[in-house]
Amino acid sequence: MNENHWVWPERRDLYYACLILADPQTSTARASEAAETLLNDIELYDDPHQGKGTWLFPDELPVADDLAFKLHALAGAETSGDWGHAIIGHPSWPKICADAQHLIELIQHNGQGAARNVR
């Protein structure tokens, strides 16, 4: 994906965070960074529909919701700020990787721009 073609910074951040989480061999530090981006920076869990119709396509929304729910369940239980250990060490880690991989595929298919129904 060309760095200059992202219409929404949130969409770019979602994509790059998913690249980190899609790698089953990622480090705990990078997993923490990706979770921080998704949960705090773009608030994917707190306000999952904020991007609907703008930077989040309809087919991406349920996958993004599921990923955010899983991350929040694990990161929310960790108080030290090192979410990576809680995420990677959990049995749901492969499902998190799968959700991230699926989102990457959807973003690559839908493109870097705004959702189609936005004018």
N, C-alpha and C. Protein backbone atom coordinates (compact mmCIF):
# COMPACT_ATOMS: atom_id res chain seq x y z
N MET A 1 0.83 -1.17 0.00
CA MET A 1 0.00 0.00 0.00
C MET A 1 0.89 1.25 0.00
N ASN A 2 0.51 2.19 -0.82
CA ASN A 2 1.28 3.42 -0.94
C ASN A 2 0.96 4.36 0.22
N GLU A 3 1.98 4.77 0.95
CA GLU A 3 1.81 5.62 2.12
C GLU A 3 1.09 6.93 1.81
N ASN A 4 1.19 7.42 0.61
CA ASN A 4 0.60 8.71 0.25
C ASN A 4 -0.87 8.63 -0.15
N HIS A 5 -1.44 7.45 -0.20
CA HIS A 5 -2.81 7.29 -0.69
C HIS A 5 -3.85 7.06 0.39
N TRP A 6 -3.47 7.11 1.65
CA TRP A 6 -4.44 6.93 2.73
C TRP A 6 -5.27 8.19 2.86
N VAL A 7 -6.59 8.04 2.78
CA VAL A 7 -7.49 9.17 2.91
C VAL A 7 -7.70 9.51 4.40
N TRP A 8 -7.82 8.49 5.23
CA TRP A 8 -8.06 8.65 6.66
C TRP A 8 -6.89 8.10 7.45
N PRO A 9 -6.32 8.86 8.37
CA PRO A 9 -5.22 8.35 9.21
C PRO A 9 -5.66 7.16 10.06
N GLU A 10 -6.93 7.12 10.45
CA GLU A 10 -7.42 6.01 11.26
C GLU A 10 -7.37 4.70 10.47
N ARG A 11 -7.68 4.78 9.19
CA ARG A 11 -7.64 3.59 8.34
C ARG A 11 -6.20 3.10 8.20
N ARG A 12 -5.30 4.03 8.00
CA ARG A 12 -3.88 3.68 7.92
C ARG A 12 -3.42 3.04 9.22
N ASP A 13 -3.78 3.63 10.35
CA ASP A 13 -3.37 3.10 11.65
C ASP A 13 -3.95 1.71 11.88
N LEU A 14 -5.20 1.51 11.48
CA LEU A 14 -5.82 0.19 11.59
C LEU A 14 -5.03 -0.83 10.78
N TYR A 15 -4.71 -0.48 9.56
CA TYR A 15 -3.98 -1.38 8.68
C TYR A 15 -2.62 -1.76 9.27
N TYR A 16 -1.86 -0.77 9.70
CA TYR A 16 -0.52 -1.06 10.22
C TYR A 16 -0.56 -1.81 11.55
N ALA A 17 -1.54 -1.52 12.39
CA ALA A 17 -1.68 -2.28 13.63
C ALA A 17 -2.03 -3.74 13.33
N CYS A 18 -2.88 -3.93 12.32
CA CYS A 18 -3.24 -5.30 11.93
C CYS A 18 -2.04 -6.05 11.36
N LEU A 19 -1.18 -5.36 10.64
CA LEU A 19 0.04 -6.01 10.13
C LEU A 19 0.86 -6.58 11.29
N ILE A 20 0.94 -5.84 12.37
CA ILE A 20 1.69 -6.31 13.55
C ILE A 20 0.99 -7.51 14.17
N LEU A 21 -0.32 -7.41 14.37
CA LEU A 21 -1.06 -8.48 15.04
C LEU A 21 -1.25 -9.71 14.17
N ALA A 22 -1.14 -9.57 12.87
CA ALA A 22 -1.29 -10.71 11.98
C ALA A 22 -0.07 -11.63 11.99
N ASP A 23 1.03 -11.13 12.51
CA ASP A 23 2.28 -11.90 12.56
C ASP A 23 2.32 -12.70 13.85
N PRO A 24 2.16 -14.02 13.78
CA PRO A 24 2.17 -14.82 15.01
C PRO A 24 3.49 -14.75 15.77
N GLN A 25 4.54 -14.30 15.12
CA GLN A 25 5.86 -14.21 15.75
C GLN A 25 6.22 -12.80 16.21
N THR A 26 5.25 -11.89 16.20
CA THR A 26 5.54 -10.52 16.60
C THR A 26 5.99 -10.46 18.06
N SER A 27 6.69 -9.43 18.40
CA SER A 27 7.17 -9.28 19.78
C SER A 27 6.05 -8.77 20.68
N THR A 28 6.22 -8.97 21.97
CA THR A 28 5.23 -8.46 22.92
C THR A 28 5.17 -6.94 22.89
N ALA A 29 6.31 -6.31 22.68
CA ALA A 29 6.34 -4.83 22.62
C ALA A 29 5.53 -4.34 21.43
N ARG A 30 5.68 -4.99 20.28
CA ARG A 30 4.93 -4.56 19.09
C ARG A 30 3.45 -4.87 19.24
N ALA A 31 3.11 -5.99 19.88
CA ALA A 31 1.71 -6.31 20.13
C ALA A 31 1.09 -5.27 21.05
N SER A 32 1.84 -4.84 22.06
CA SER A 32 1.36 -3.78 22.96
C SER A 32 1.12 -2.49 22.19
N GLU A 33 2.04 -2.16 21.31
CA GLU A 33 1.91 -0.94 20.49
C GLU A 33 0.68 -1.01 19.60
N ALA A 34 0.46 -2.16 18.98
CA ALA A 34 -0.71 -2.32 18.10
C ALA A 34 -2.00 -2.23 18.90
N ALA A 35 -2.04 -2.86 20.06
CA ALA A 35 -3.23 -2.80 20.91
C ALA A 35 -3.49 -1.37 21.36
N GLU A 36 -2.44 -0.67 21.72
CA GLU A 36 -2.55 0.74 22.12
C GLU A 36 -3.16 1.57 20.99
N THR A 37 -2.70 1.34 19.78
CA THR A 37 -3.23 2.06 18.62
C THR A 37 -4.71 1.77 18.43
N LEU A 38 -5.07 0.50 18.46
CA LEU A 38 -6.45 0.12 18.18
C LEU A 38 -7.40 0.51 19.31
N LEU A 39 -6.98 0.28 20.55
CA LEU A 39 -7.89 0.51 21.68
C LEU A 39 -7.91 1.96 22.16
N ASN A 40 -6.77 2.63 22.14
CA ASN A 40 -6.71 3.98 22.68
C ASN A 40 -6.68 5.07 21.62
N ASP A 41 -5.85 4.89 20.61
CA ASP A 41 -5.71 5.95 19.61
C ASP A 41 -6.93 6.07 18.71
N ILE A 42 -7.38 4.94 18.15
CA ILE A 42 -8.56 5.03 17.28
C ILE A 42 -9.82 4.52 17.98
N GLU A 43 -9.71 4.16 19.25
CA GLU A 43 -10.85 3.78 20.10
C GLU A 43 -11.76 2.76 19.43
N LEU A 44 -11.17 1.73 18.90
CA LEU A 44 -11.94 0.73 18.16
C LEU A 44 -12.92 -0.02 19.06
N TYR A 45 -12.60 -0.14 20.34
CA TYR A 45 -13.52 -0.82 21.26
C TYR A 45 -14.55 0.16 21.83
N ASP A 46 -14.10 1.30 22.29
CA ASP A 46 -14.99 2.26 22.96
C ASP A 46 -16.06 2.82 22.01
N ASP A 47 -15.69 3.05 20.77
CA ASP A 47 -16.62 3.62 19.80
C ASP A 47 -16.43 2.90 18.46
N PRO A 48 -16.84 1.63 18.42
CA PRO A 48 -16.52 0.81 17.24
C PRO A 48 -17.18 1.26 15.95
N HIS A 49 -18.23 2.03 16.05
CA HIS A 49 -18.93 2.43 14.81
C HIS A 49 -18.56 3.84 14.37
N GLN A 50 -17.58 4.45 15.03
CA GLN A 50 -17.17 5.80 14.66
C GLN A 50 -16.68 5.88 13.22
N GLY A 51 -16.07 4.83 12.74
CA GLY A 51 -15.52 4.84 11.39
C GLY A 51 -16.47 4.31 10.33
N LYS A 52 -17.63 3.82 10.76
CA LYS A 52 -18.59 3.24 9.82
C LYS A 52 -19.01 4.30 8.80
N GLY A 53 -18.85 3.96 7.56
CA GLY A 53 -19.26 4.88 6.50
C GLY A 53 -18.20 5.88 6.11
N THR A 54 -17.11 5.94 6.85
CA THR A 54 -16.02 6.84 6.49
C THR A 54 -14.77 6.03 6.24
N TRP A 55 -14.03 5.70 7.29
CA TRP A 55 -12.77 4.97 7.10
C TRP A 55 -12.90 3.48 7.33
N LEU A 56 -14.11 3.02 7.69
CA LEU A 56 -14.34 1.60 7.92
C LEU A 56 -15.48 1.14 7.02
N PHE A 57 -15.18 0.19 6.15
CA PHE A 57 -16.16 -0.32 5.20
C PHE A 57 -17.12 -1.28 5.91
N PRO A 58 -18.33 -1.43 5.39
CA PRO A 58 -19.32 -2.30 6.05
C PRO A 58 -18.84 -3.73 6.27
N ASP A 59 -18.12 -4.30 5.32
CA ASP A 59 -17.65 -5.69 5.50
C ASP A 59 -16.49 -5.78 6.49
N GLU A 60 -15.86 -4.67 6.81
CA GLU A 60 -14.76 -4.65 7.78
C GLU A 60 -15.26 -4.50 9.21
N LEU A 61 -16.43 -3.88 9.37
CA LEU A 61 -16.93 -3.55 10.70
C LEU A 61 -17.07 -4.75 11.63
N PRO A 62 -17.70 -5.86 11.22
CA PRO A 62 -17.83 -6.97 12.18
C PRO A 62 -16.49 -7.59 12.57
N VAL A 63 -15.55 -7.62 11.65
CA VAL A 63 -14.22 -8.18 11.95
C VAL A 63 -13.48 -7.25 12.90
N ALA A 64 -13.57 -5.95 12.65
CA ALA A 64 -12.93 -4.96 13.53
C ALA A 64 -13.55 -5.00 14.92
N ASP A 65 -14.87 -5.14 14.99
CA ASP A 65 -15.55 -5.25 16.29
C ASP A 65 -15.05 -6.46 17.06
N ASP A 66 -14.96 -7.59 16.38
CA ASP A 66 -14.51 -8.83 17.02
C ASP A 66 -13.07 -8.70 17.51
N LEU A 67 -12.22 -8.14 16.68
CA LEU A 67 -10.82 -7.96 17.08
C LEU A 67 -10.73 -7.03 18.29
N ALA A 68 -11.44 -5.93 18.26
CA ALA A 68 -11.41 -4.99 19.38
C ALA A 68 -11.93 -5.62 20.66
N PHE A 69 -12.98 -6.41 20.56
CA PHE A 69 -13.54 -7.09 21.74
C PHE A 69 -12.51 -8.03 22.35
N LYS A 70 -11.85 -8.81 21.51
CA LYS A 70 -10.83 -9.75 22.00
C LYS A 70 -9.66 -9.01 22.65
N LEU A 71 -9.19 -7.97 22.00
CA LEU A 71 -8.06 -7.21 22.55
C LEU A 71 -8.43 -6.54 23.87
N HIS A 72 -9.61 -5.97 23.93
CA HIS A 72 -10.04 -5.29 25.14
C HIS A 72 -10.18 -6.28 26.30
N ALA A 73 -10.70 -7.46 26.01
CA ALA A 73 -10.85 -8.47 27.06
C ALA A 73 -9.50 -8.84 27.66
N LEU A 74 -8.48 -8.90 26.84
CA LEU A 74 -7.15 -9.28 27.33
C LEU A 74 -6.37 -8.09 27.87
N ALA A 75 -6.37 -7.00 27.14
CA ALA A 75 -5.61 -5.82 27.57
C ALA A 75 -6.24 -5.17 28.78
N GLY A 76 -7.55 -5.22 28.86
CA GLY A 76 -8.24 -4.61 29.99
C GLY A 76 -7.91 -5.28 31.31
N ALA A 77 -7.55 -6.55 31.29
CA ALA A 77 -7.20 -7.27 32.50
C ALA A 77 -5.77 -7.00 32.93
N GLU A 78 -4.96 -6.48 32.04
CA GLU A 78 -3.54 -6.21 32.33
C GLU A 78 -3.39 -4.78 32.83
N THR A 79 -2.83 -4.62 34.02
CA THR A 79 -2.71 -3.30 34.61
C THR A 79 -1.31 -2.71 34.48
N SER A 80 -0.34 -3.51 34.13
CA SER A 80 1.04 -3.02 34.09
C SER A 80 1.34 -2.18 32.86
N GLY A 81 0.46 -2.17 31.87
CA GLY A 81 0.71 -1.43 30.64
C GLY A 81 1.42 -2.26 29.60
N ASP A 82 1.85 -3.45 29.96
CA ASP A 82 2.51 -4.33 29.01
C ASP A 82 1.48 -5.33 28.49
N TRP A 83 0.64 -4.84 27.59
CA TRP A 83 -0.45 -5.66 27.08
C TRP A 83 0.04 -6.81 26.22
N GLY A 84 1.20 -6.69 25.64
CA GLY A 84 1.71 -7.71 24.74
C GLY A 84 1.80 -9.08 25.38
N HIS A 85 2.27 -9.15 26.61
CA HIS A 85 2.37 -10.45 27.29
C HIS A 85 0.99 -11.06 27.51
N ALA A 86 0.04 -10.22 27.92
CA ALA A 86 -1.32 -10.72 28.15
C ALA A 86 -1.96 -11.20 26.84
N ILE A 87 -1.66 -10.51 25.75
CA ILE A 87 -2.27 -10.84 24.46
C ILE A 87 -1.62 -12.07 23.83
N ILE A 88 -0.30 -12.03 23.71
CA ILE A 88 0.40 -13.13 23.03
C ILE A 88 0.36 -14.42 23.85
N GLY A 89 0.34 -14.30 25.16
CA GLY A 89 0.33 -15.48 26.01
C GLY A 89 -1.02 -16.12 26.19
N HIS A 90 -2.04 -15.53 25.63
CA HIS A 90 -3.40 -16.03 25.83
C HIS A 90 -3.77 -17.05 24.74
N PRO A 91 -4.61 -18.03 25.08
CA PRO A 91 -5.04 -19.02 24.08
C PRO A 91 -5.79 -18.41 22.88
N SER A 92 -6.34 -17.21 23.02
CA SER A 92 -7.05 -16.60 21.89
C SER A 92 -6.12 -15.86 20.93
N TRP A 93 -4.81 -15.87 21.19
CA TRP A 93 -3.84 -15.21 20.31
C TRP A 93 -3.98 -15.64 18.85
N PRO A 94 -4.10 -16.94 18.54
CA PRO A 94 -4.27 -17.31 17.13
C PRO A 94 -5.53 -16.71 16.50
N LYS A 95 -6.59 -16.55 17.29
CA LYS A 95 -7.81 -15.94 16.75
C LYS A 95 -7.62 -14.45 16.50
N ILE A 96 -6.83 -13.80 17.36
CA ILE A 96 -6.51 -12.39 17.15
C ILE A 96 -5.71 -12.23 15.87
N CYS A 97 -4.72 -13.10 15.67
CA CYS A 97 -3.93 -13.08 14.43
C CYS A 97 -4.82 -13.29 13.22
N ALA A 98 -5.76 -14.22 13.32
CA ALA A 98 -6.66 -14.50 12.19
C ALA A 98 -7.55 -13.31 11.89
N ASP A 99 -8.08 -12.66 12.93
CA ASP A 99 -8.90 -11.46 12.70
C ASP A 99 -8.08 -10.37 12.03
N ALA A 100 -6.86 -10.17 12.50
CA ALA A 100 -5.99 -9.14 11.91
C ALA A 100 -5.68 -9.47 10.45
N GLN A 101 -5.41 -10.73 10.17
CA GLN A 101 -5.13 -11.14 8.78
C GLN A 101 -6.35 -10.91 7.90
N HIS A 102 -7.53 -11.22 8.43
CA HIS A 102 -8.76 -11.01 7.66
C HIS A 102 -8.98 -9.53 7.39
N LEU A 103 -8.75 -8.68 8.39
CA LEU A 103 -8.90 -7.24 8.18
C LEU A 103 -7.92 -6.71 7.14
N ILE A 104 -6.70 -7.20 7.16
CA ILE A 104 -5.71 -6.80 6.16
C ILE A 104 -6.22 -7.13 4.75
N GLU A 105 -6.74 -8.34 4.59
CA GLU A 105 -7.27 -8.74 3.29
C GLU A 105 -8.42 -7.83 2.85
N LEU A 106 -9.32 -7.52 3.78
CA LEU A 106 -10.45 -6.65 3.46
C LEU A 106 -9.98 -5.24 3.10
N ILE A 107 -9.04 -4.71 3.86
CA ILE A 107 -8.53 -3.37 3.58
C ILE A 107 -7.83 -3.34 2.23
N GLN A 108 -7.05 -4.37 1.93
CA GLN A 108 -6.39 -4.43 0.63
C GLN A 108 -7.41 -4.51 -0.49
N HIS A 109 -8.49 -5.24 -0.28
CA HIS A 109 -9.54 -5.36 -1.30
C HIS A 109 -10.31 -4.05 -1.45
N ASN A 110 -10.66 -3.43 -0.33
CA ASN A 110 -11.48 -2.21 -0.36
C ASN A 110 -10.69 -0.95 -0.70
N GLY A 111 -9.39 -0.99 -0.47
CA GLY A 111 -8.54 0.14 -0.81
C GLY A 111 -8.27 1.07 0.36
N GLN A 112 -7.47 2.07 0.09
CA GLN A 112 -7.00 2.97 1.11
C GLN A 112 -7.90 4.17 1.36
N GLY A 113 -8.91 4.34 0.54
CA GLY A 113 -9.73 5.54 0.62
C GLY A 113 -10.91 5.40 1.56
N ALA A 114 -11.84 6.32 1.40
CA ALA A 114 -13.05 6.35 2.21
C ALA A 114 -14.04 5.31 1.73
N ALA A 115 -14.96 4.97 2.59
CA ALA A 115 -16.01 4.02 2.24
C ALA A 115 -16.80 4.54 1.05
N ARG A 116 -17.30 3.62 0.29
CA ARG A 116 -17.96 3.96 -0.99
C ARG A 116 -19.22 4.81 -0.82
N ASN A 117 -19.93 4.65 0.29
CA ASN A 117 -21.20 5.35 0.41
C ASN A 117 -21.06 6.75 0.99
N VAL A 118 -19.85 7.21 1.17
CA VAL A 118 -19.61 8.56 1.69
C VAL A 118 -19.37 9.51 0.53
N ARG A 119 -20.00 10.67 0.57
CA ARG A 119 -19.82 11.65 -0.50
C ARG A 119 -19.09 12.84 -0.02
